[in-house]
């Protein structure tokens, strides 16, 4: 992964782990506390605060929050898991952390929902 890819990965993980109330789009009144879009961005500043990349992360985070509403730690772990490149000890630790919080059925459901919403 090149420098640009690493920067995108860090930005992705940061946004995913950050509460919506800390997002610039929230401060500008474009999204609410749950990430729901309240209105379309109009100014250049507003469009930058909720561009294509931020909107993708917002949608993914909204899906995750439906199933993990109070777990900021798990959201961060999931962000790290989604950014992995190779199978490693980190992946095993992430899977272990997720397994401790979610049942196998919940884990399978979350993966299925993310796959259907993001990939399809």
PDB file of N, CA and C in Angstrom:
ATOM      1  N   UNK A   1       0.852  -1.173   0.000  1.00  0.00           N
ATOM      2  CA  UNK A   1       0.000   0.000   0.000  1.00  0.00           C
ATOM      3  C   UNK A   1       0.894   1.231   0.000  1.00  0.00           C
ATOM      4  N   UNK A   2       0.616   2.138  -0.928  1.00  0.00           N
ATOM      5  CA  UNK A   2       1.418   3.346  -1.029  1.00  0.00           C
ATOM      6  C   UNK A   2       1.044   4.362   0.033  1.00  0.00           C
ATOM      7  N   UNK A   3       1.734   5.487  -0.012  1.00  0.00           N
ATOM      8  CA  UNK A   3       1.512   6.546   0.981  1.00  0.00           C
ATOM      9  C   UNK A   3       0.082   7.067   0.939  1.00  0.00           C
ATOM     10  N   UNK A   4      -0.475   7.245  -0.276  1.00  0.00           N
ATOM     11  CA  UNK A   4      -1.841   7.746  -0.393  1.00  0.00           C
ATOM     12  C   UNK A   4      -2.838   6.750   0.186  1.00  0.00           C
ATOM     13  N   UNK A   5      -2.621   5.476  -0.099  1.00  0.00           N
ATOM     14  CA  UNK A   5      -3.497   4.434   0.432  1.00  0.00           C
ATOM     15  C   UNK A   5      -3.452   4.377   1.953  1.00  0.00           C
ATOM     16  N   UNK A   6      -2.246   4.539   2.502  1.00  0.00           N
ATOM     17  CA  UNK A   6      -2.109   4.533   3.960  1.00  0.00           C
ATOM     18  C   UNK A   6      -2.812   5.737   4.575  1.00  0.00           C
ATOM     19  N   UNK A   7      -2.713   6.883   3.938  1.00  0.00           N
ATOM     20  CA  UNK A   7      -3.396   8.077   4.426  1.00  0.00           C
ATOM     21  C   UNK A   7      -4.912   7.874   4.399  1.00  0.00           C
ATOM     22  N   UNK A   8      -5.416   7.290   3.321  1.00  0.00           N
ATOM     23  CA  UNK A   8      -6.849   7.004   3.245  1.00  0.00           C
ATOM     24  C   UNK A   8      -7.267   6.012   4.325  1.00  0.00           C
ATOM     25  N   UNK A   9      -6.462   5.000   4.555  1.00  0.00           N
ATOM     26  CA  UNK A   9      -6.780   4.002   5.568  1.00  0.00           C
ATOM     27  C   UNK A   9      -6.838   4.633   6.954  1.00  0.00           C
ATOM     28  N   UNK A  10      -5.889   5.507   7.250  1.00  0.00           N
ATOM     29  CA  UNK A  10      -5.870   6.186   8.549  1.00  0.00           C
ATOM     30  C   UNK A  10      -7.082   7.101   8.683  1.00  0.00           C
ATOM     31  N   UNK A  11      -7.399   7.830   7.621  1.00  0.00           N
ATOM     32  CA  UNK A  11      -8.563   8.719   7.636  1.00  0.00           C
ATOM     33  C   UNK A  11      -9.840   7.907   7.837  1.00  0.00           C
ATOM     34  N   UNK A  12      -9.939   6.778   7.145  1.00  0.00           N
ATOM     35  CA  UNK A  12     -11.092   5.896   7.269  1.00  0.00           C
ATOM     36  C   UNK A  12     -11.263   5.418   8.704  1.00  0.00           C
ATOM     37  N   UNK A  13     -10.195   4.894   9.288  1.00  0.00           N
ATOM     38  CA  UNK A  13     -10.251   4.383  10.657  1.00  0.00           C
ATOM     39  C   UNK A  13     -10.567   5.496  11.649  1.00  0.00           C
ATOM     40  N   UNK A  14      -9.996   6.673  11.440  1.00  0.00           N
ATOM     41  CA  UNK A  14     -10.233   7.807  12.328  1.00  0.00           C
ATOM     42  C   UNK A  14     -11.690   8.225  12.298  1.00  0.00           C
ATOM     43  N   UNK A  15     -12.255   8.367  11.099  1.00  0.00           N
ATOM     44  CA  UNK A  15     -13.656   8.755  10.985  1.00  0.00           C
ATOM     45  C   UNK A  15     -14.580   7.693  11.566  1.00  0.00           C
ATOM     46  N   UNK A  16     -14.264   6.434  11.319  1.00  0.00           N
ATOM     47  CA  UNK A  16     -15.108   5.348  11.816  1.00  0.00           C
ATOM     48  C   UNK A  16     -15.115   5.304  13.337  1.00  0.00           C
ATOM     49  N   UNK A  17     -13.991   5.607  13.943  1.00  0.00           N
ATOM     50  CA  UNK A  17     -13.886   5.546  15.402  1.00  0.00           C
ATOM     51  C   UNK A  17     -14.382   6.833  16.077  1.00  0.00           C
ATOM     52  N   UNK A  18     -14.454   7.931  15.335  1.00  0.00           N
ATOM     53  CA  UNK A  18     -14.833   9.231  15.910  1.00  0.00           C
ATOM     54  C   UNK A  18     -16.360   9.346  15.999  1.00  0.00           C
ATOM     55  N   UNK A  19     -16.896   9.783  17.159  1.00  0.00           N
ATOM     56  CA  UNK A  19     -18.350   9.990  17.268  1.00  0.00           C
ATOM     57  C   UNK A  19     -18.815  11.044  16.260  1.00  0.00           C
ATOM     58  N   UNK A  20     -20.052  10.886  15.773  1.00  0.00           N
ATOM     59  CA  UNK A  20     -20.570  11.824  14.780  1.00  0.00           C
ATOM     60  C   UNK A  20     -20.559  13.264  15.291  1.00  0.00           C
ATOM     61  N   UNK A  21     -20.724  13.450  16.587  1.00  0.00           N
ATOM     62  CA  UNK A  21     -20.765  14.819  17.112  1.00  0.00           C
ATOM     63  C   UNK A  21     -19.426  15.543  16.954  1.00  0.00           C
ATOM     64  N   UNK A  22     -18.361  14.808  16.655  1.00  0.00           N
ATOM     65  CA  UNK A  22     -17.057  15.421  16.423  1.00  0.00           C
ATOM     66  C   UNK A  22     -16.758  15.628  14.936  1.00  0.00           C
ATOM     67  N   UNK A  23     -17.652  15.166  14.069  1.00  0.00           N
ATOM     68  CA  UNK A  23     -17.461  15.335  12.635  1.00  0.00           C
ATOM     69  C   UNK A  23     -17.777  16.781  12.260  1.00  0.00           C
ATOM     70  N   UNK A  24     -17.056  17.310  11.297  1.00  0.00           N
ATOM     71  CA  UNK A  24     -17.309  18.678  10.833  1.00  0.00           C
ATOM     72  C   UNK A  24     -18.716  18.789  10.241  1.00  0.00           C
ATOM     73  N   UNK A  25     -19.190  17.745   9.568  1.00  0.00           N
ATOM     74  CA  UNK A  25     -20.534  17.761   8.975  1.00  0.00           C
ATOM     75  C   UNK A  25     -21.604  17.917  10.056  1.00  0.00           C
ATOM     76  N   UNK A  26     -21.364  17.359  11.239  1.00  0.00           N
ATOM     77  CA  UNK A  26     -22.309  17.533  12.348  1.00  0.00           C
ATOM     78  C   UNK A  26     -22.290  18.984  12.827  1.00  0.00           C
ATOM     79  N   UNK A  27     -21.102  19.520  12.977  1.00  0.00           N
ATOM     80  CA  UNK A  27     -20.963  20.898  13.452  1.00  0.00           C
ATOM     81  C   UNK A  27     -21.580  21.903  12.479  1.00  0.00           C
ATOM     82  N   UNK A  28     -21.642  21.528  11.198  1.00  0.00           N
ATOM     83  CA  UNK A  28     -22.250  22.392  10.188  1.00  0.00           C
ATOM     84  C   UNK A  28     -23.750  22.117  10.018  1.00  0.00           C
ATOM     85  N   UNK A  29     -24.278  21.163  10.774  1.00  0.00           N
ATOM     86  CA  UNK A  29     -25.712  20.872  10.733  1.00  0.00           C
ATOM     87  C   UNK A  29     -26.160  20.028   9.552  1.00  0.00           C
ATOM     88  N   UNK A  30     -25.230  19.268   8.967  1.00  0.00           N
ATOM     89  CA  UNK A  30     -25.564  18.433   7.809  1.00  0.00           C
ATOM     90  C   UNK A  30     -26.028  17.043   8.248  1.00  0.00           C
ATOM     91  N   UNK A  31     -25.449  16.525   9.335  1.00  0.00           N
ATOM     92  CA  UNK A  31     -25.843  15.219   9.878  1.00  0.00           C
ATOM     93  C   UNK A  31     -26.225  15.380  11.341  1.00  0.00           C
ATOM     94  N   UNK A  32     -26.962  14.383  11.860  1.00  0.00           N
ATOM     95  CA  UNK A  32     -27.324  14.424  13.278  1.00  0.00           C
ATOM     96  C   UNK A  32     -26.392  13.524  14.086  1.00  0.00           C
ATOM     97  N   UNK A  33     -26.703  13.345  15.363  1.00  0.00           N
ATOM     98  CA  UNK A  33     -25.846  12.547  16.259  1.00  0.00           C
ATOM     99  C   UNK A  33     -25.724  11.086  15.842  1.00  0.00           C
ATOM    100  N   UNK A  34     -26.707  10.591  15.081  1.00  0.00           N
ATOM    101  CA  UNK A  34     -26.670   9.202  14.630  1.00  0.00           C
ATOM    102  C   UNK A  34     -26.115   9.073  13.215  1.00  0.00           C
ATOM    103  N   UNK A  35     -25.700  10.195  12.633  1.00  0.00           N
ATOM    104  CA  UNK A  35     -25.126  10.175  11.297  1.00  0.00           C
ATOM    105  C   UNK A  35     -26.143  10.317  10.184  1.00  0.00           C
ATOM    106  N   UNK A  36     -27.407  10.495  10.538  1.00  0.00           N
ATOM    107  CA  UNK A  36     -28.449  10.647   9.521  1.00  0.00           C
ATOM    108  C   UNK A  36     -28.283  12.002   8.831  1.00  0.00           C
ATOM    109  N   UNK A  37     -28.342  11.982   7.509  1.00  0.00           N
ATOM    110  CA  UNK A  37     -28.196  13.213   6.737  1.00  0.00           C
ATOM    111  C   UNK A  37     -29.455  14.058   6.913  1.00  0.00           C
ATOM    112  N   UNK A  38     -29.272  15.287   7.376  1.00  0.00           N
ATOM    113  CA  UNK A  38     -30.381  16.202   7.607  1.00  0.00           C
ATOM    114  C   UNK A  38     -30.700  17.033   6.369  1.00  0.00           C
ATOM    115  N   UNK A  39     -29.676  17.326   5.593  1.00  0.00           N
ATOM    116  CA  UNK A  39     -29.842  18.146   4.390  1.00  0.00           C
ATOM    117  C   UNK A  39     -28.641  17.942   3.492  1.00  0.00           C
ATOM    118  N   UNK A  40     -28.776  18.402   2.276  1.00  0.00           N
ATOM    119  CA  UNK A  40     -27.674  18.321   1.320  1.00  0.00           C
ATOM    120  C   UNK A  40     -26.676  19.453   1.593  1.00  0.00           C
ATOM    121  N   UNK A  41     -25.379  19.173   1.486  1.00  0.00           N
ATOM    122  CA  UNK A  41     -24.380  20.240   1.629  1.00  0.00           C
ATOM    123  C   UNK A  41     -24.516  21.243   0.481  1.00  0.00           C
ATOM    124  N   UNK A  42     -24.338  22.525   0.801  1.00  0.00           N
ATOM    125  CA  UNK A  42     -24.506  23.565  -0.221  1.00  0.00           C
ATOM    126  C   UNK A  42     -23.206  24.306  -0.512  1.00  0.00           C
ATOM    127  N   UNK A  43     -22.528  24.758   0.522  1.00  0.00           N
ATOM    128  CA  UNK A  43     -21.311  25.539   0.315  1.00  0.00           C
ATOM    129  C   UNK A  43     -20.123  24.611   0.056  1.00  0.00           C
ATOM    130  N   UNK A  44     -19.033  25.176  -0.388  1.00  0.00           N
ATOM    131  CA  UNK A  44     -17.813  24.398  -0.635  1.00  0.00           C
ATOM    132  C   UNK A  44     -17.346  23.736   0.656  1.00  0.00           C
ATOM    133  N   UNK A  45     -17.373  24.474   1.758  1.00  0.00           N
ATOM    134  CA  UNK A  45     -16.954  23.931   3.051  1.00  0.00           C
ATOM    135  C   UNK A  45     -17.840  22.749   3.452  1.00  0.00           C
ATOM    136  N   UNK A  46     -19.137  22.876   3.255  1.00  0.00           N
ATOM    137  CA  UNK A  46     -20.061  21.797   3.596  1.00  0.00           C
ATOM    138  C   UNK A  46     -19.828  20.572   2.721  1.00  0.00           C
ATOM    139  N   UNK A  47     -19.580  20.807   1.424  1.00  0.00           N
ATOM    140  CA  UNK A  47     -19.331  19.691   0.509  1.00  0.00           C
ATOM    141  C   UNK A  47     -18.037  18.965   0.852  1.00  0.00           C
ATOM    142  N   UNK A  48     -17.034  19.697   1.322  1.00  0.00           N
ATOM    143  CA  UNK A  48     -15.778  19.072   1.754  1.00  0.00           C
ATOM    144  C   UNK A  48     -15.991  18.258   3.030  1.00  0.00           C
ATOM    145  N   UNK A  49     -16.884  18.723   3.911  1.00  0.00           N
ATOM    146  CA  UNK A  49     -17.102  18.032   5.179  1.00  0.00           C
ATOM    147  C   UNK A  49     -17.862  16.727   5.005  1.00  0.00           C
ATOM    148  N   UNK A  50     -18.586  16.580   3.886  1.00  0.00           N
ATOM    149  CA  UNK A  50     -19.333  15.349   3.629  1.00  0.00           C
ATOM    150  C   UNK A  50     -19.217  14.988   2.148  1.00  0.00           C
ATOM    151  N   UNK A  51     -17.976  14.727   1.736  1.00  0.00           N
ATOM    152  CA  UNK A  51     -17.714  14.310   0.364  1.00  0.00           C
ATOM    153  C   UNK A  51     -18.037  12.834   0.189  1.00  0.00           C
ATOM    154  N   UNK A  52     -17.662  12.273  -0.948  1.00  0.00           N
ATOM    155  CA  UNK A  52     -17.949  10.863  -1.234  1.00  0.00           C
ATOM    156  C   UNK A  52     -17.332   9.929  -0.196  1.00  0.00           C
ATOM    157  N   UNK A  53     -16.081  10.177   0.154  1.00  0.00           N
ATOM    158  CA  UNK A  53     -15.383   9.320   1.116  1.00  0.00           C
ATOM    159  C   UNK A  53     -16.040   9.377   2.491  1.00  0.00           C
ATOM    160  N   UNK A  54     -16.304  10.597   2.976  1.00  0.00           N
ATOM    161  CA  UNK A  54     -16.920  10.776   4.291  1.00  0.00           C
ATOM    162  C   UNK A  54     -18.333  10.184   4.301  1.00  0.00           C
ATOM    163  N   UNK A  55     -19.028  10.318   3.197  1.00  0.00           N
ATOM    164  CA  UNK A  55     -20.383   9.776   3.109  1.00  0.00           C
ATOM    165  C   UNK A  55     -20.367   8.246   3.171  1.00  0.00           C
ATOM    166  N   UNK A  56     -19.383   7.623   2.529  1.00  0.00           N
ATOM    167  CA  UNK A  56     -19.238   6.164   2.600  1.00  0.00           C
ATOM    168  C   UNK A  56     -18.991   5.728   4.043  1.00  0.00           C
ATOM    169  N   UNK A  57     -18.079   6.403   4.721  1.00  0.00           N
ATOM    170  CA  UNK A  57     -17.777   6.061   6.113  1.00  0.00           C
ATOM    171  C   UNK A  57     -19.017   6.301   6.988  1.00  0.00           C
ATOM    172  N   UNK A  58     -19.740   7.385   6.721  1.00  0.00           N
ATOM    173  CA  UNK A  58     -20.961   7.691   7.484  1.00  0.00           C
ATOM    174  C   UNK A  58     -21.979   6.558   7.355  1.00  0.00           C
ATOM    175  N   UNK A  59     -22.169   6.062   6.142  1.00  0.00           N
ATOM    176  CA  UNK A  59     -23.135   4.982   5.919  1.00  0.00           C
ATOM    177  C   UNK A  59     -22.696   3.692   6.621  1.00  0.00           C
ATOM    178  N   UNK A  60     -21.424   3.365   6.501  1.00  0.00           N
ATOM    179  CA  UNK A  60     -20.899   2.164   7.160  1.00  0.00           C
ATOM    180  C   UNK A  60     -21.023   2.290   8.673  1.00  0.00           C
ATOM    181  N   UNK A  61     -20.647   3.444   9.212  1.00  0.00           N
ATOM    182  CA  UNK A  61     -20.721   3.671  10.657  1.00  0.00           C
ATOM    183  C   UNK A  61     -22.169   3.592  11.143  1.00  0.00           C
ATOM    184  N   UNK A  62     -23.101   4.108  10.358  1.00  0.00           N
ATOM    185  CA  UNK A  62     -24.517   4.044  10.734  1.00  0.00           C
ATOM    186  C   UNK A  62     -24.995   2.602  10.828  1.00  0.00           C
ATOM    187  N   UNK A  63     -24.549   1.768   9.890  1.00  0.00           N
ATOM    188  CA  UNK A  63     -24.903   0.349   9.924  1.00  0.00           C
ATOM    189  C   UNK A  63     -24.322  -0.306  11.175  1.00  0.00           C
ATOM    190  N   UNK A  64     -23.067  -0.025  11.454  1.00  0.00           N
ATOM    191  CA  UNK A  64     -22.410  -0.610  12.625  1.00  0.00           C
ATOM    192  C   UNK A  64     -23.116  -0.174  13.903  1.00  0.00           C
ATOM    193  N   UNK A  65     -23.476   1.099  14.000  1.00  0.00           N
ATOM    194  CA  UNK A  65     -24.109   1.618  15.213  1.00  0.00           C
ATOM    195  C   UNK A  65     -25.482   1.013  15.472  1.00  0.00           C
ATOM    196  N   UNK A  66     -26.141   0.518  14.431  1.00  0.00           N
ATOM    197  CA  UNK A  66     -27.439  -0.142  14.635  1.00  0.00           C
ATOM    198  C   UNK A  66     -27.268  -1.404  15.470  1.00  0.00           C
ATOM    199  N   UNK A  67     -26.115  -2.050  15.336  1.00  0.00           N
ATOM    200  CA  UNK A  67     -25.868  -3.299  16.025  1.00  0.00           C
ATOM    201  C   UNK A  67     -24.960  -3.155  17.241  1.00  0.00           C
ATOM    202  N   UNK A  68     -24.157  -2.110  17.278  1.00  0.00           N
ATOM    203  CA  UNK A  68     -23.196  -1.899  18.358  1.00  0.00           C
ATOM    204  C   UNK A  68     -23.313  -0.465  18.868  1.00  0.00           C
ATOM    205  N   UNK A  69     -24.483  -0.070  19.376  1.00  0.00           N
ATOM    206  CA  UNK A  69     -24.705   1.343  19.679  1.00  0.00           C
ATOM    207  C   UNK A  69     -23.817   1.940  20.761  1.00  0.00           C
ATOM    208  N   UNK A  70     -23.313   1.138  21.684  1.00  0.00           N
ATOM    209  CA  UNK A  70     -22.584   1.737  22.799  1.00  0.00           C
ATOM    210  C   UNK A  70     -21.130   1.291  22.880  1.00  0.00           C
ATOM    211  N   UNK A  71     -20.609   0.731  21.809  1.00  0.00           N
ATOM    212  CA  UNK A  71     -19.273   0.170  21.890  1.00  0.00           C
ATOM    213  C   UNK A  71     -18.284   0.918  20.995  1.00  0.00           C
ATOM    214  N   UNK A  72     -17.743   2.019  21.494  1.00  0.00           N
ATOM    215  CA  UNK A  72     -16.735   2.762  20.729  1.00  0.00           C
ATOM    216  C   UNK A  72     -15.484   1.935  20.515  1.00  0.00           C
ATOM    217  N   UNK A  73     -15.095   1.146  21.510  1.00  0.00           N
ATOM    218  CA  UNK A  73     -13.914   0.306  21.393  1.00  0.00           C
ATOM    219  C   UNK A  73     -14.090  -0.686  20.244  1.00  0.00           C
ATOM    220  N   UNK A  74     -15.256  -1.325  20.204  1.00  0.00           N
ATOM    221  CA  UNK A  74     -15.488  -2.321  19.171  1.00  0.00           C
ATOM    222  C   UNK A  74     -15.548  -1.679  17.792  1.00  0.00           C
ATOM    223  N   UNK A  75     -16.063  -0.460  17.706  1.00  0.00           N
ATOM    224  CA  UNK A  75     -16.068   0.245  16.426  1.00  0.00           C
ATOM    225  C   UNK A  75     -14.636   0.467  15.949  1.00  0.00           C
ATOM    226  N   UNK A  76     -13.762   0.853  16.860  1.00  0.00           N
ATOM    227  CA  UNK A  76     -12.369   1.067  16.498  1.00  0.00           C
ATOM    228  C   UNK A  76     -11.717  -0.247  16.068  1.00  0.00           C
ATOM    229  N   UNK A  77     -11.999  -1.321  16.795  1.00  0.00           N
ATOM    230  CA  UNK A  77     -11.448  -2.630  16.454  1.00  0.00           C
ATOM    231  C   UNK A  77     -11.943  -3.054  15.073  1.00  0.00           C
ATOM    232  N   UNK A  78     -13.221  -2.818  14.800  1.00  0.00           N
ATOM    233  CA  UNK A  78     -13.765  -3.166  13.502  1.00  0.00           C
ATOM    234  C   UNK A  78     -13.100  -2.345  12.394  1.00  0.00           C
ATOM    235  N   UNK A  79     -12.855  -1.067  12.657  1.00  0.00           N
ATOM    236  CA  UNK A  79     -12.157  -0.229  11.669  1.00  0.00           C
ATOM    237  C   UNK A  79     -10.783  -0.808  11.375  1.00  0.00           C
ATOM    238  N   UNK A  80     -10.059  -1.185  12.417  1.00  0.00           N
ATOM    239  CA  UNK A  80      -8.727  -1.772  12.222  1.00  0.00           C
ATOM    240  C   UNK A  80      -8.830  -3.082  11.449  1.00  0.00           C
ATOM    241  N   UNK A  81      -9.853  -3.876  11.740  1.00  0.00           N
ATOM    242  CA  UNK A  81     -10.053  -5.152  11.052  1.00  0.00           C
ATOM    243  C   UNK A  81     -10.320  -4.935   9.566  1.00  0.00           C
ATOM    244  N   UNK A  82     -11.140  -3.935   9.245  1.00  0.00           N
ATOM    245  CA  UNK A  82     -11.474  -3.665   7.851  1.00  0.00           C
ATOM    246  C   UNK A  82     -10.268  -3.160   7.061  1.00  0.00           C
ATOM    247  N   UNK A  83      -9.268  -2.601   7.746  1.00  0.00           N
ATOM    248  CA  UNK A  83      -8.107  -2.036   7.073  1.00  0.00           C
ATOM    249  C   UNK A  83      -6.955  -3.017   6.913  1.00  0.00           C
ATOM    250  N   UNK A  84      -7.078  -4.207   7.456  1.00  0.00           N
ATOM    251  CA  UNK A  84      -5.962  -5.145   7.429  1.00  0.00           C
ATOM    252  C   UNK A  84      -5.604  -5.537   6.002  1.00  0.00           C
ATOM    253  N   UNK A  85      -4.360  -5.846   5.781  1.00  0.00           N
ATOM    254  CA  UNK A  85      -3.907  -6.288   4.464  1.00  0.00           C
ATOM    255  C   UNK A  85      -3.642  -7.789   4.438  1.00  0.00           C
ATOM    256  N   UNK A  86      -3.048  -8.321   5.486  1.00  0.00           N
ATOM    257  CA  UNK A  86      -2.683  -9.737   5.521  1.00  0.00           C
ATOM    258  C   UNK A  86      -3.147 -10.366   6.817  1.00  0.00           C
ATOM    259  N   UNK A  87      -3.287 -11.690   6.801  1.00  0.00           N
ATOM    260  CA  UNK A  87      -3.612 -12.412   8.022  1.00  0.00           C
ATOM    261  C   UNK A  87      -2.419 -12.301   8.961  1.00  0.00           C
ATOM    262  N   UNK A  88      -2.676 -11.930  10.203  1.00  0.00           N
ATOM    263  CA  UNK A  88      -1.581 -11.734  11.138  1.00  0.00           C
ATOM    264  C   UNK A  88      -2.076 -11.959  12.551  1.00  0.00           C
ATOM    265  N   UNK A  89      -1.181 -11.772  13.514  1.00  0.00           N
ATOM    266  CA  UNK A  89      -1.563 -11.869  14.914  1.00  0.00           C
ATOM    267  C   UNK A  89      -2.577 -10.799  15.285  1.00  0.00           C
ATOM    268  N   UNK A  90      -2.490  -9.650  14.621  1.00  0.00           N
ATOM    269  CA  UNK A  90      -3.447  -8.574  14.888  1.00  0.00           C
ATOM    270  C   UNK A  90      -4.846  -9.026  14.508  1.00  0.00           C
ATOM    271  N   UNK A  91      -4.980  -9.695  13.373  1.00  0.00           N
ATOM    272  CA  UNK A  91      -6.289 -10.179  12.940  1.00  0.00           C
ATOM    273  C   UNK A  91      -6.861 -11.164  13.958  1.00  0.00           C
ATOM    274  N   UNK A  92      -6.010 -12.041  14.472  1.00  0.00           N
ATOM    275  CA  UNK A  92      -6.470 -12.999  15.478  1.00  0.00           C
ATOM    276  C   UNK A  92      -6.960 -12.286  16.724  1.00  0.00           C
ATOM    277  N   UNK A  93      -6.252 -11.238  17.141  1.00  0.00           N
ATOM    278  CA  UNK A  93      -6.666 -10.466  18.314  1.00  0.00           C
ATOM    279  C   UNK A  93      -7.982  -9.739  18.064  1.00  0.00           C
ATOM    280  N   UNK A  94      -8.142  -9.203  16.861  1.00  0.00           N
ATOM    281  CA  UNK A  94      -9.382  -8.510  16.512  1.00  0.00           C
ATOM    282  C   UNK A  94     -10.553  -9.490  16.523  1.00  0.00           C
ATOM    283  N   UNK A  95     -10.368 -10.640  15.889  1.00  0.00           N
ATOM    284  CA  UNK A  95     -11.426 -11.649  15.877  1.00  0.00           C
ATOM    285  C   UNK A  95     -11.771 -12.073  17.303  1.00  0.00           C
ATOM    286  N   UNK A  96     -10.762 -12.228  18.147  1.00  0.00           N
ATOM    287  CA  UNK A  96     -10.998 -12.609  19.540  1.00  0.00           C
ATOM    288  C   UNK A  96     -11.803 -11.533  20.268  1.00  0.00           C
ATOM    289  N   UNK A  97     -11.443 -10.263  20.060  1.00  0.00           N
ATOM    290  CA  UNK A  97     -12.168  -9.160  20.706  1.00  0.00           C
ATOM    291  C   UNK A  97     -13.612  -9.112  20.235  1.00  0.00           C
ATOM    292  N   UNK A  98     -13.826  -9.311  18.931  1.00  0.00           N
ATOM    293  CA  UNK A  98     -15.192  -9.300  18.401  1.00  0.00           C
ATOM    294  C   UNK A  98     -15.974 -10.490  18.942  1.00  0.00           C
ATOM    295  N   UNK A  99     -15.349 -11.661  18.989  1.00  0.00           N
ATOM    296  CA  UNK A  99     -16.028 -12.851  19.491  1.00  0.00           C
ATOM    297  C   UNK A  99     -16.420 -12.725  20.957  1.00  0.00           C
ATOM    298  N   UNK A 100     -15.650 -11.961  21.723  1.00  0.00           N
ATOM    299  CA  UNK A 100     -15.974 -11.780  23.136  1.00  0.00           C
ATOM    300  C   UNK A 100     -17.219 -10.919  23.328  1.00  0.00           C
ATOM    301  N   UNK A 101     -17.501 -10.053  22.371  1.00  0.00           N
ATOM    302  CA  UNK A 101     -18.628  -9.131  22.491  1.00  0.00           C
ATOM    303  C   UNK A 101     -19.859  -9.645  21.748  1.00  0.00           C
ATOM    304  N   UNK A 102     -19.663 -10.222  20.582  1.00  0.00           N
ATOM    305  CA  UNK A 102     -20.779 -10.684  19.767  1.00  0.00           C
ATOM    306  C   UNK A 102     -20.893 -12.201  19.806  1.00  0.00           C
ATOM    307  N   UNK A 103     -22.135 -12.681  19.720  1.00  0.00           N
ATOM    308  CA  UNK A 103     -22.333 -14.115  19.550  1.00  0.00           C
ATOM    309  C   UNK A 103     -21.963 -14.458  18.112  1.00  0.00           C
ATOM    310  N   UNK A 104     -21.823 -15.736  17.836  1.00  0.00           N
ATOM    311  CA  UNK A 104     -21.474 -16.154  16.478  1.00  0.00           C
ATOM    312  C   UNK A 104     -22.550 -15.714  15.484  1.00  0.00           C
ATOM    313  N   UNK A 105     -23.817 -15.813  15.891  1.00  0.00           N
ATOM    314  CA  UNK A 105     -24.919 -15.409  15.022  1.00  0.00           C
ATOM    315  C   UNK A 105     -24.878 -13.900  14.750  1.00  0.00           C
ATOM    316  N   UNK A 106     -24.593 -13.089  15.789  1.00  0.00           N
ATOM    317  CA  UNK A 106     -24.503 -11.638  15.616  1.00  0.00           C
ATOM    318  C   UNK A 106     -23.340 -11.272  14.705  1.00  0.00           C
ATOM    319  N   UNK A 107     -22.220 -11.955  14.884  1.00  0.00           N
ATOM    320  CA  UNK A 107     -21.049 -11.717  14.047  1.00  0.00           C
ATOM    321  C   UNK A 107     -21.357 -12.034  12.586  1.00  0.00           C
ATOM    322  N   UNK A 108     -21.995 -13.194  12.339  1.00  0.00           N
ATOM    323  CA  UNK A 108     -22.354 -13.576  10.977  1.00  0.00           C
ATOM    324  C   UNK A 108     -23.335 -12.581  10.366  1.00  0.00           C
ATOM    325  N   UNK A 109     -24.314 -12.136  11.167  1.00  0.00           N
ATOM    326  CA  UNK A 109     -25.301 -11.170  10.688  1.00  0.00           C
ATOM    327  C   UNK A 109     -24.639  -9.840  10.330  1.00  0.00           C
ATOM    328  N   UNK A 110     -23.730  -9.371  11.182  1.00  0.00           N
ATOM    329  CA  UNK A 110     -23.037  -8.107  10.920  1.00  0.00           C
ATOM    330  C   UNK A 110     -22.228  -8.191   9.635  1.00  0.00           C
ATOM    331  N   UNK A 111     -21.506  -9.282   9.440  1.00  0.00           N
ATOM    332  CA  UNK A 111     -20.715  -9.462   8.221  1.00  0.00           C
ATOM    333  C   UNK A 111     -21.623  -9.507   6.999  1.00  0.00           C
ATOM    334  N   UNK A 112     -22.750 -10.207   7.104  1.00  0.00           N
ATOM    335  CA  UNK A 112     -23.696 -10.298   5.995  1.00  0.00           C
ATOM    336  C   UNK A 112     -24.271  -8.925   5.647  1.00  0.00           C
ATOM    337  N   UNK A 113     -24.643  -8.151   6.655  1.00  0.00           N
ATOM    338  CA  UNK A 113     -25.216  -6.827   6.419  1.00  0.00           C
ATOM    339  C   UNK A 113     -24.193  -5.891   5.796  1.00  0.00           C
ATOM    340  N   UNK A 114     -22.969  -5.889   6.338  1.00  0.00           N
ATOM    341  CA  UNK A 114     -21.918  -5.038   5.774  1.00  0.00           C
ATOM    342  C   UNK A 114     -21.631  -5.429   4.336  1.00  0.00           C
ATOM    343  N   UNK A 115     -21.566  -6.718   4.072  1.00  0.00           N
ATOM    344  CA  UNK A 115     -21.297  -7.187   2.712  1.00  0.00           C
ATOM    345  C   UNK A 115     -22.402  -6.746   1.753  1.00  0.00           C
ATOM    346  N   UNK A 116     -23.648  -6.881   2.175  1.00  0.00           N
ATOM    347  CA  UNK A 116     -24.771  -6.514   1.309  1.00  0.00           C
ATOM    348  C   UNK A 116     -24.853  -5.012   1.083  1.00  0.00           C
ATOM    349  N   UNK A 117     -24.576  -4.216   2.104  1.00  0.00           N
ATOM    350  CA  UNK A 117     -24.694  -2.762   1.986  1.00  0.00           C
ATOM    351  C   UNK A 117     -23.513  -2.132   1.258  1.00  0.00           C
ATOM    352  N   UNK A 118     -22.327  -2.663   1.464  1.00  0.00           N
ATOM    353  CA  UNK A 118     -21.120  -2.045   0.902  1.00  0.00           C
ATOM    354  C   UNK A 118     -20.769  -2.611  -0.461  1.00  0.00           C
ATOM    355  N   UNK A 119     -20.833  -3.916  -0.614  1.00  0.00           N
ATOM    356  CA  UNK A 119     -20.358  -4.557  -1.828  1.00  0.00           C
ATOM    357  C   UNK A 119     -21.425  -4.548  -2.931  1.00  0.00           C
ATOM    358  N   UNK A 120     -22.681  -4.722  -2.550  1.00  0.00           N
ATOM    359  CA  UNK A 120     -23.752  -4.811  -3.569  1.00  0.00           C
ATOM    360  C   UNK A 120     -24.369  -3.487  -3.872  1.00  0.00           C
TER     361      UNK A 120
END
